[in-house]
N, C-alpha and C. Protein backbone atom coordinates (compact mmCIF):
# COMPACT_ATOMS: atom_id res chain seq x y z
N UNK A 1 9.49 17.19 -15.39
CA UNK A 1 8.48 16.17 -15.17
C UNK A 1 9.12 14.97 -14.48
N UNK A 2 8.42 14.40 -13.54
CA UNK A 2 8.92 13.28 -12.78
C UNK A 2 8.83 11.98 -13.58
N UNK A 3 9.91 11.22 -13.53
CA UNK A 3 9.90 9.92 -14.21
C UNK A 3 9.03 8.95 -13.43
N UNK A 4 8.31 8.13 -14.16
CA UNK A 4 7.44 7.15 -13.55
C UNK A 4 7.97 5.75 -13.87
N UNK A 5 8.02 4.92 -12.85
CA UNK A 5 8.43 3.53 -13.02
C UNK A 5 7.21 2.64 -12.82
N UNK A 6 7.24 1.49 -13.44
CA UNK A 6 6.18 0.51 -13.22
C UNK A 6 6.79 -0.66 -12.48
N UNK A 7 6.16 -0.99 -11.36
CA UNK A 7 6.62 -2.10 -10.53
C UNK A 7 5.54 -3.17 -10.54
N UNK A 8 5.95 -4.39 -10.71
CA UNK A 8 4.99 -5.50 -10.66
C UNK A 8 5.04 -6.07 -9.25
N UNK A 9 3.94 -5.92 -8.53
CA UNK A 9 3.86 -6.42 -7.16
C UNK A 9 2.95 -7.63 -7.12
N UNK A 10 3.19 -8.48 -6.15
CA UNK A 10 2.36 -9.67 -5.98
C UNK A 10 1.56 -9.55 -4.69
N UNK A 11 0.25 -9.75 -4.83
CA UNK A 11 -0.64 -9.75 -3.67
C UNK A 11 -1.52 -10.98 -3.80
N UNK A 12 -1.47 -11.81 -2.79
CA UNK A 12 -2.20 -13.09 -2.78
C UNK A 12 -1.94 -13.91 -4.04
N UNK A 13 -0.68 -13.91 -4.47
CA UNK A 13 -0.29 -14.71 -5.61
C UNK A 13 -0.65 -14.14 -6.96
N UNK A 14 -1.26 -12.96 -6.98
CA UNK A 14 -1.62 -12.31 -8.25
C UNK A 14 -0.69 -11.13 -8.47
N UNK A 15 -0.31 -10.94 -9.72
CA UNK A 15 0.61 -9.85 -10.06
C UNK A 15 -0.17 -8.63 -10.52
N UNK A 16 0.25 -7.46 -10.00
CA UNK A 16 -0.37 -6.20 -10.36
C UNK A 16 0.71 -5.21 -10.77
N UNK A 17 0.61 -4.63 -11.97
CA UNK A 17 1.55 -3.56 -12.34
C UNK A 17 1.07 -2.25 -11.70
N UNK A 18 1.98 -1.57 -11.01
CA UNK A 18 1.64 -0.33 -10.31
C UNK A 18 2.67 0.73 -10.66
N UNK A 19 2.21 1.92 -11.01
CA UNK A 19 3.12 3.03 -11.33
C UNK A 19 3.51 3.75 -10.05
N UNK A 20 4.76 4.21 -10.03
CA UNK A 20 5.24 5.01 -8.89
C UNK A 20 6.38 5.90 -9.39
N UNK A 21 6.70 6.95 -8.64
CA UNK A 21 7.83 7.80 -9.03
C UNK A 21 9.13 6.98 -9.06
N UNK A 22 9.93 7.19 -10.09
CA UNK A 22 11.22 6.50 -10.20
C UNK A 22 12.03 6.76 -8.94
N UNK A 23 12.67 5.72 -8.44
CA UNK A 23 13.47 5.83 -7.24
C UNK A 23 12.71 5.41 -5.98
N UNK A 24 11.41 5.21 -6.10
CA UNK A 24 10.62 4.82 -4.94
C UNK A 24 10.06 3.41 -5.07
N UNK A 25 10.67 2.65 -5.93
CA UNK A 25 10.20 1.29 -6.18
C UNK A 25 10.25 0.44 -4.90
N UNK A 26 11.31 0.58 -4.11
CA UNK A 26 11.44 -0.23 -2.90
C UNK A 26 10.35 0.09 -1.89
N UNK A 27 9.98 1.36 -1.80
CA UNK A 27 8.90 1.75 -0.89
C UNK A 27 7.58 1.14 -1.32
N UNK A 28 7.32 1.15 -2.62
CA UNK A 28 6.10 0.55 -3.14
C UNK A 28 6.09 -0.95 -2.89
N UNK A 29 7.22 -1.60 -3.10
CA UNK A 29 7.31 -3.03 -2.85
C UNK A 29 7.07 -3.35 -1.38
N UNK A 30 7.59 -2.51 -0.48
CA UNK A 30 7.37 -2.70 0.95
C UNK A 30 5.90 -2.54 1.30
N UNK A 31 5.26 -1.54 0.71
CA UNK A 31 3.83 -1.32 0.96
C UNK A 31 3.02 -2.51 0.44
N UNK A 32 3.37 -3.01 -0.73
CA UNK A 32 2.66 -4.16 -1.31
C UNK A 32 2.84 -5.40 -0.43
N UNK A 33 4.03 -5.58 0.10
CA UNK A 33 4.28 -6.72 0.99
C UNK A 33 3.44 -6.59 2.26
N UNK A 34 3.35 -5.38 2.79
CA UNK A 34 2.54 -5.14 3.98
C UNK A 34 1.08 -5.48 3.71
N UNK A 35 0.55 -4.99 2.57
CA UNK A 35 -0.85 -5.26 2.20
C UNK A 35 -1.06 -6.76 1.99
N UNK A 36 -0.13 -7.40 1.30
CA UNK A 36 -0.22 -8.83 1.06
C UNK A 36 -0.29 -9.59 2.39
N UNK A 37 0.58 -9.24 3.32
CA UNK A 37 0.59 -9.90 4.63
C UNK A 37 -0.73 -9.67 5.37
N UNK A 38 -1.23 -8.45 5.32
CA UNK A 38 -2.48 -8.14 6.00
C UNK A 38 -3.64 -8.94 5.38
N UNK A 39 -3.67 -9.00 4.06
CA UNK A 39 -4.74 -9.75 3.38
C UNK A 39 -4.64 -11.24 3.68
N UNK A 40 -3.43 -11.76 3.75
CA UNK A 40 -3.24 -13.18 4.07
C UNK A 40 -3.70 -13.47 5.50
N UNK A 41 -3.40 -12.56 6.42
CA UNK A 41 -3.86 -12.73 7.81
C UNK A 41 -5.38 -12.79 7.87
N UNK A 42 -6.04 -11.88 7.17
CA UNK A 42 -7.51 -11.85 7.15
C UNK A 42 -8.05 -13.11 6.50
N UNK A 43 -7.42 -13.53 5.41
CA UNK A 43 -7.86 -14.75 4.72
C UNK A 43 -7.77 -15.95 5.65
N UNK A 44 -6.67 -16.01 6.39
CA UNK A 44 -6.46 -17.13 7.32
C UNK A 44 -7.49 -17.11 8.44
N UNK A 45 -7.80 -15.94 8.96
CA UNK A 45 -8.75 -15.82 10.07
C UNK A 45 -10.19 -16.05 9.66
N UNK A 46 -10.54 -15.62 8.45
CA UNK A 46 -11.94 -15.69 8.03
C UNK A 46 -12.25 -16.88 7.13
N UNK A 47 -11.23 -17.44 6.50
CA UNK A 47 -11.45 -18.52 5.56
C UNK A 47 -11.99 -18.03 4.22
N UNK A 48 -12.12 -16.74 4.08
CA UNK A 48 -12.62 -16.14 2.85
C UNK A 48 -11.48 -15.99 1.86
N UNK A 49 -11.72 -16.30 0.59
CA UNK A 49 -10.65 -16.15 -0.40
C UNK A 49 -11.03 -15.19 -1.52
N UNK A 50 -12.15 -14.48 -1.38
CA UNK A 50 -12.57 -13.52 -2.40
C UNK A 50 -11.66 -12.29 -2.34
N UNK A 51 -10.89 -12.09 -3.40
CA UNK A 51 -9.88 -11.03 -3.43
C UNK A 51 -10.47 -9.67 -3.08
N UNK A 52 -11.59 -9.34 -3.69
CA UNK A 52 -12.19 -8.02 -3.45
C UNK A 52 -12.57 -7.84 -1.99
N UNK A 53 -13.18 -8.83 -1.39
CA UNK A 53 -13.58 -8.74 0.03
C UNK A 53 -12.35 -8.62 0.92
N UNK A 54 -11.32 -9.41 0.65
CA UNK A 54 -10.10 -9.33 1.45
C UNK A 54 -9.45 -7.96 1.32
N UNK A 55 -9.46 -7.40 0.10
CA UNK A 55 -8.86 -6.08 -0.11
C UNK A 55 -9.61 -5.01 0.67
N UNK A 56 -10.95 -5.09 0.65
CA UNK A 56 -11.74 -4.10 1.38
C UNK A 56 -11.51 -4.24 2.88
N UNK A 57 -11.49 -5.45 3.39
CA UNK A 57 -11.27 -5.66 4.82
C UNK A 57 -9.88 -5.18 5.24
N UNK A 58 -8.88 -5.46 4.43
CA UNK A 58 -7.52 -5.00 4.75
C UNK A 58 -7.47 -3.48 4.73
N UNK A 59 -8.08 -2.86 3.73
CA UNK A 59 -8.09 -1.40 3.64
C UNK A 59 -8.78 -0.79 4.85
N UNK A 60 -9.90 -1.36 5.25
CA UNK A 60 -10.61 -0.84 6.42
C UNK A 60 -9.80 -1.00 7.70
N UNK A 61 -9.15 -2.14 7.86
CA UNK A 61 -8.30 -2.36 9.04
C UNK A 61 -7.14 -1.38 9.08
N UNK A 62 -6.48 -1.20 7.95
CA UNK A 62 -5.34 -0.28 7.88
C UNK A 62 -5.80 1.14 8.13
N UNK A 63 -6.93 1.53 7.53
CA UNK A 63 -7.47 2.89 7.74
C UNK A 63 -7.84 3.09 9.20
N UNK A 64 -8.47 2.12 9.82
CA UNK A 64 -8.84 2.24 11.23
C UNK A 64 -7.61 2.44 12.11
N UNK A 65 -6.58 1.64 11.86
CA UNK A 65 -5.35 1.78 12.63
C UNK A 65 -4.73 3.16 12.43
N UNK A 66 -4.76 3.63 11.21
CA UNK A 66 -4.19 4.94 10.90
C UNK A 66 -4.98 6.05 11.60
N UNK A 67 -6.30 5.99 11.51
CA UNK A 67 -7.14 7.04 12.07
C UNK A 67 -7.16 7.05 13.60
N UNK A 68 -7.03 5.88 14.20
CA UNK A 68 -7.07 5.81 15.66
C UNK A 68 -5.68 5.84 16.27
N UNK A 69 -4.67 5.74 15.45
CA UNK A 69 -3.29 5.75 15.96
C UNK A 69 -2.89 4.43 16.58
N UNK A 70 -3.67 3.39 16.38
CA UNK A 70 -3.36 2.07 16.94
C UNK A 70 -2.38 1.35 16.03
N UNK A 71 -1.10 1.60 16.23
CA UNK A 71 -0.10 0.95 15.40
C UNK A 71 0.98 0.33 16.28
N UNK A 72 1.56 -0.72 15.79
CA UNK A 72 2.69 -1.33 16.49
C UNK A 72 3.97 -0.64 16.02
N UNK A 73 5.08 -0.98 16.59
CA UNK A 73 6.35 -0.39 16.18
C UNK A 73 6.64 -0.59 14.70
N UNK A 74 6.36 -1.79 14.20
CA UNK A 74 6.59 -2.07 12.78
C UNK A 74 5.67 -1.23 11.92
N UNK A 75 4.47 -0.98 12.40
CA UNK A 75 3.51 -0.19 11.63
C UNK A 75 3.91 1.28 11.56
N UNK A 76 4.72 1.74 12.49
CA UNK A 76 5.18 3.13 12.45
C UNK A 76 5.97 3.41 11.17
N UNK A 77 6.80 2.45 10.78
CA UNK A 77 7.56 2.60 9.53
C UNK A 77 6.62 2.70 8.35
N UNK A 78 5.60 1.87 8.35
CA UNK A 78 4.63 1.92 7.26
C UNK A 78 3.87 3.24 7.26
N UNK A 79 3.55 3.73 8.43
CA UNK A 79 2.84 5.01 8.53
C UNK A 79 3.68 6.13 7.91
N UNK A 80 4.95 6.16 8.23
CA UNK A 80 5.85 7.17 7.64
C UNK A 80 5.94 6.99 6.13
N UNK A 81 6.01 5.74 5.69
CA UNK A 81 6.07 5.46 4.26
C UNK A 81 4.80 5.93 3.57
N UNK A 82 3.65 5.65 4.16
CA UNK A 82 2.38 6.07 3.57
C UNK A 82 2.31 7.59 3.46
N UNK A 83 2.82 8.28 4.47
CA UNK A 83 2.84 9.75 4.42
C UNK A 83 3.75 10.24 3.29
N UNK A 84 4.89 9.59 3.12
CA UNK A 84 5.81 9.97 2.03
C UNK A 84 5.17 9.72 0.68
N UNK A 85 4.49 8.60 0.54
CA UNK A 85 3.82 8.29 -0.73
C UNK A 85 2.74 9.32 -1.00
N UNK A 86 1.96 9.67 0.04
CA UNK A 86 0.92 10.68 -0.12
C UNK A 86 1.49 12.02 -0.54
N UNK A 87 2.58 12.43 0.08
CA UNK A 87 3.22 13.69 -0.28
C UNK A 87 3.72 13.66 -1.71
N UNK A 88 4.31 12.55 -2.10
CA UNK A 88 4.82 12.41 -3.47
C UNK A 88 3.68 12.46 -4.48
N UNK A 89 2.58 11.79 -4.16
CA UNK A 89 1.43 11.81 -5.06
C UNK A 89 0.86 13.22 -5.19
N UNK A 90 0.83 13.96 -4.10
CA UNK A 90 0.36 15.34 -4.15
C UNK A 90 1.27 16.18 -5.05
N UNK A 91 2.57 15.99 -4.90
CA UNK A 91 3.53 16.74 -5.73
C UNK A 91 3.37 16.38 -7.21
N UNK A 92 3.16 15.10 -7.48
CA UNK A 92 2.96 14.67 -8.86
C UNK A 92 1.69 15.31 -9.44
N UNK A 93 0.64 15.33 -8.68
CA UNK A 93 -0.61 15.94 -9.13
C UNK A 93 -0.41 17.41 -9.41
N UNK A 94 0.32 18.10 -8.52
CA UNK A 94 0.57 19.52 -8.70
C UNK A 94 1.42 19.78 -9.93
N UNK A 95 2.45 18.94 -10.15
CA UNK A 95 3.32 19.17 -11.30
C UNK A 95 2.61 18.87 -12.62
N UNK A 96 1.71 17.91 -12.61
CA UNK A 96 0.96 17.59 -13.82
C UNK A 96 -0.08 18.67 -14.10
N UNK A 97 -0.62 19.29 -13.07
CA UNK A 97 -1.63 20.34 -13.24
C UNK A 97 -1.00 21.65 -13.68
N UNK A 98 0.24 21.86 -13.29
CA UNK A 98 0.91 23.14 -13.57
C UNK A 98 1.78 23.11 -14.72
């Protein structure tokens, strides 16, 4: 069974405990920093500070970039990281089911 670590990440000044496979804490922290930056950019552009709305807008923007392939060089690293996280989550689901 895979060990699970809990990482406390900060997004828009709020702390969230998030579980991830042990050894992948840095990847999760990088993803959280990316999301935090994206949400801050949206907040700055729109003047909106509602956490839920900012989260949805950031998720939609990130999903659009992923689906259309519109990424910058820095986003390529995040894309690879997201794929690794997805693969790991699939493996965890399979190991828990089996």
